[in-house]
Protein backbone atom coordinates (compact mmCIF):
# COMPACT_ATOMS: atom_id res chain seq x y z
CA UNK A 1 142.25 70.47 101.96
CA UNK A 2 140.64 70.36 98.55
CA UNK A 3 137.66 69.18 100.45
CA UNK A 4 137.73 71.88 102.85
CA UNK A 5 138.07 74.64 99.95
CA UNK A 6 134.73 73.01 98.47
CA UNK A 7 132.86 72.95 101.65
CA UNK A 8 133.92 76.91 102.19
CA UNK A 9 132.83 77.58 98.45
CA UNK A 10 129.60 76.21 99.09
CA UNK A 11 129.01 77.90 102.24
CA UNK A 12 130.04 80.95 100.57
CA UNK A 13 127.56 80.47 98.06
CA UNK A 14 124.78 79.75 100.51
CA UNK A 15 125.64 82.90 102.48
CA UNK A 16 125.20 85.02 99.08
CA UNK A 17 121.92 83.67 98.47
CA UNK A 18 120.63 84.57 101.77
CA UNK A 19 117.57 86.71 101.05
CA UNK A 20 116.11 89.21 103.66
CA UNK A 21 112.90 88.79 101.89
CA UNK A 22 112.47 85.24 103.29
CA UNK A 23 112.86 86.19 106.73
CA UNK A 24 111.12 89.75 106.84
CA UNK A 25 107.70 88.54 105.00
CA UNK A 26 107.81 84.82 104.47
CA UNK A 27 103.91 84.81 104.41
CA UNK A 28 103.58 87.03 101.24
CA UNK A 29 103.48 85.40 98.06
CA UNK A 30 100.93 87.03 95.90
CA UNK A 31 100.35 90.92 95.03
CA UNK A 32 97.49 92.90 93.72
CA UNK A 33 98.18 96.34 92.02
CA UNK A 34 94.81 98.17 91.91
CA UNK A 35 94.47 100.63 89.09
CA UNK A 36 96.35 103.95 89.61
CA UNK A 37 94.13 106.80 89.76
CA UNK A 38 95.08 109.84 87.79
CA UNK A 39 94.73 113.28 88.61
CA UNK A 40 97.04 115.03 85.76
CA UNK A 41 96.10 115.90 82.23
CA UNK A 42 98.65 113.01 81.08
CA UNK A 43 95.70 110.74 80.15
CA UNK A 44 97.20 107.22 80.32
CA UNK A 45 99.69 107.64 82.96
CA UNK A 46 97.76 106.01 85.78
CA UNK A 47 97.34 103.07 83.69
CA UNK A 48 100.80 102.95 82.21
CA UNK A 49 102.29 102.96 85.82
CA UNK A 50 100.09 100.26 86.69
CA UNK A 51 101.05 97.81 83.72
CA UNK A 52 104.91 98.71 84.39
CA UNK A 53 104.29 97.92 88.18
CA UNK A 54 102.69 94.60 87.09
CA UNK A 55 105.63 93.82 84.49
CA UNK A 56 108.31 94.47 87.03
CA UNK A 57 106.91 92.38 89.81
CA UNK A 58 106.47 89.41 87.00
CA UNK A 59 110.22 90.04 86.30
CA UNK A 60 111.29 90.48 89.91
CA UNK A 61 109.99 87.27 90.80
CA UNK A 62 109.60 87.63 94.75
CA UNK A 63 105.82 88.18 94.33
CA UNK A 64 103.26 86.97 91.85
CA UNK A 65 100.56 88.83 90.38
CA UNK A 66 97.04 87.94 91.76
CA UNK A 67 93.51 89.34 91.59
CA UNK A 68 92.39 86.48 93.66
CA UNK A 69 93.07 86.47 97.51
CA UNK A 70 96.37 88.43 97.36
CA UNK A 71 98.54 88.53 100.38
CA UNK A 72 99.40 92.31 99.62
CA UNK A 73 98.67 94.95 97.60
CA UNK A 74 99.71 98.56 95.98
CA UNK A 75 97.26 101.37 95.72
CA UNK A 76 98.38 104.63 94.56
CA UNK A 77 97.38 108.21 92.65
CA UNK A 78 99.29 110.22 90.36
CA UNK A 79 99.05 113.76 91.84
CA UNK A 80 101.34 115.69 89.51
CA UNK A 81 103.19 115.53 86.26
CA UNK A 82 105.71 117.76 85.00
CA UNK A 83 107.76 118.17 81.77
CA UNK A 84 109.79 121.10 82.23
CA UNK A 85 112.99 123.12 80.78
CA UNK A 86 115.87 121.97 82.95
CA UNK A 87 119.20 123.28 81.29
CA UNK A 88 120.05 125.39 77.98
CA UNK A 89 123.11 125.31 75.87
CA UNK A 90 125.64 127.90 75.59
CA UNK A 91 123.45 129.29 72.44
CA UNK A 92 120.34 129.63 74.51
CA UNK A 93 118.33 126.30 73.19
CA UNK A 94 117.14 124.04 75.24
CA UNK A 95 119.53 121.31 76.20
CA UNK A 96 117.46 119.15 78.98
CA UNK A 97 114.31 118.41 80.21
CA UNK A 98 113.00 117.01 83.72
CA UNK A 99 110.28 114.71 83.80
CA UNK A 100 108.98 114.87 87.69
CA UNK A 101 106.09 112.72 89.00
CA UNK A 102 104.41 113.05 92.33
CA UNK A 103 102.66 110.00 93.82
CA UNK A 104 100.46 108.85 96.85
CA UNK A 105 101.60 105.36 96.94
CA UNK A 106 100.88 102.65 99.50
CA UNK A 107 101.77 99.05 99.79
CA UNK A 108 99.80 97.43 102.26
CA UNK A 109 99.82 93.58 103.93
CA UNK A 110 96.73 92.20 103.62
CA UNK A 111 97.46 89.19 105.74
CA UNK A 112 98.48 91.25 108.71
CA UNK A 113 96.32 94.29 107.82
CA UNK A 114 99.30 96.69 108.26
CA UNK A 115 100.97 99.42 105.93
CA UNK A 116 104.34 98.02 104.65
CA UNK A 117 104.99 101.45 102.89
CA UNK A 118 103.41 104.82 102.34
CA UNK A 119 104.38 108.31 101.11
CA UNK A 120 101.71 110.60 100.18
CA UNK A 121 104.29 112.54 98.29
CA UNK A 122 106.74 110.46 96.70
CA UNK A 123 108.42 112.69 94.00
CA UNK A 124 110.49 111.00 91.44
CA UNK A 125 112.39 113.09 88.68
CA UNK A 126 114.78 112.31 85.53
CA UNK A 127 116.22 114.54 83.32
CA UNK A 128 116.52 113.70 79.53
CA UNK A 129 117.90 115.45 76.48
CA UNK A 130 116.48 115.09 72.83
CA UNK A 131 119.62 116.33 71.45
CA UNK A 132 122.11 113.85 73.39
CA UNK A 133 124.62 112.05 71.38
CA UNK A 134 125.93 110.27 74.48
CA UNK A 135 124.07 106.83 74.70
CA UNK A 136 123.81 106.93 78.44
CA UNK A 137 121.41 109.71 78.62
CA UNK A 138 117.68 109.57 77.99
CA UNK A 139 116.53 111.13 74.79
CA UNK A 140 112.96 111.20 74.93
CA UNK A 141 110.17 111.94 77.24
CA UNK A 142 108.81 108.29 77.00
CA UNK A 143 112.25 106.73 78.13
CA UNK A 144 112.57 109.49 80.93
CA UNK A 145 108.83 108.52 82.25
CA UNK A 146 109.64 105.02 82.36
CA UNK A 147 112.73 105.53 84.35
CA UNK A 148 110.71 107.44 86.77
CA UNK A 149 108.62 104.43 87.00
CA UNK A 150 111.54 102.09 87.73
CA UNK A 151 112.48 104.53 90.48
CA UNK A 152 109.17 104.30 91.97
CA UNK A 153 109.49 100.40 91.91
CA UNK A 154 112.90 100.59 93.36
CA UNK A 155 111.82 102.66 96.21
CA UNK A 156 108.89 100.50 97.05
CA UNK A 157 111.02 97.60 96.90
CA UNK A 158 113.97 99.12 99.04
CA UNK A 159 111.60 100.28 101.59
CA UNK A 160 109.85 96.82 102.15
CA UNK A 161 111.47 93.71 100.93
CA UNK A 162 115.14 95.04 100.79
CA UNK A 163 114.90 96.94 104.33
CA UNK A 164 117.00 95.78 107.16
């Protein structure tokens, strides 16, 4: 009885470790993230996004960053950046802002010469509140931008490695 429970437990753990990534793209191990072009007046936005993506891929661990003979790559361009008033409080003061970033982004499988993900008008937005007392809300524009960058990374991963 105990032996069958242990075997069942091990089978369950093995099943939980199943990875779509390993079956869909076993030939991809290294990624290069090219400099992100920037068409906005926000000077460092493209470089900041590139740095963020490099850090996220390093911490994610599914692909290693490489500039020598990568298996896949990400190319992109920041098309638009907006930081606009989103809402007012009952006194007429600004209570929330919304950061929106419009991107043209492509992920290419260099081994098979195929586009894995492409979106020429990827729009990601986050609201933030400089006067927020709630710790769950983003308080600064920089925090909102980082959250938008995280949304970009997650969109790419869901559309490629996590897609069924």
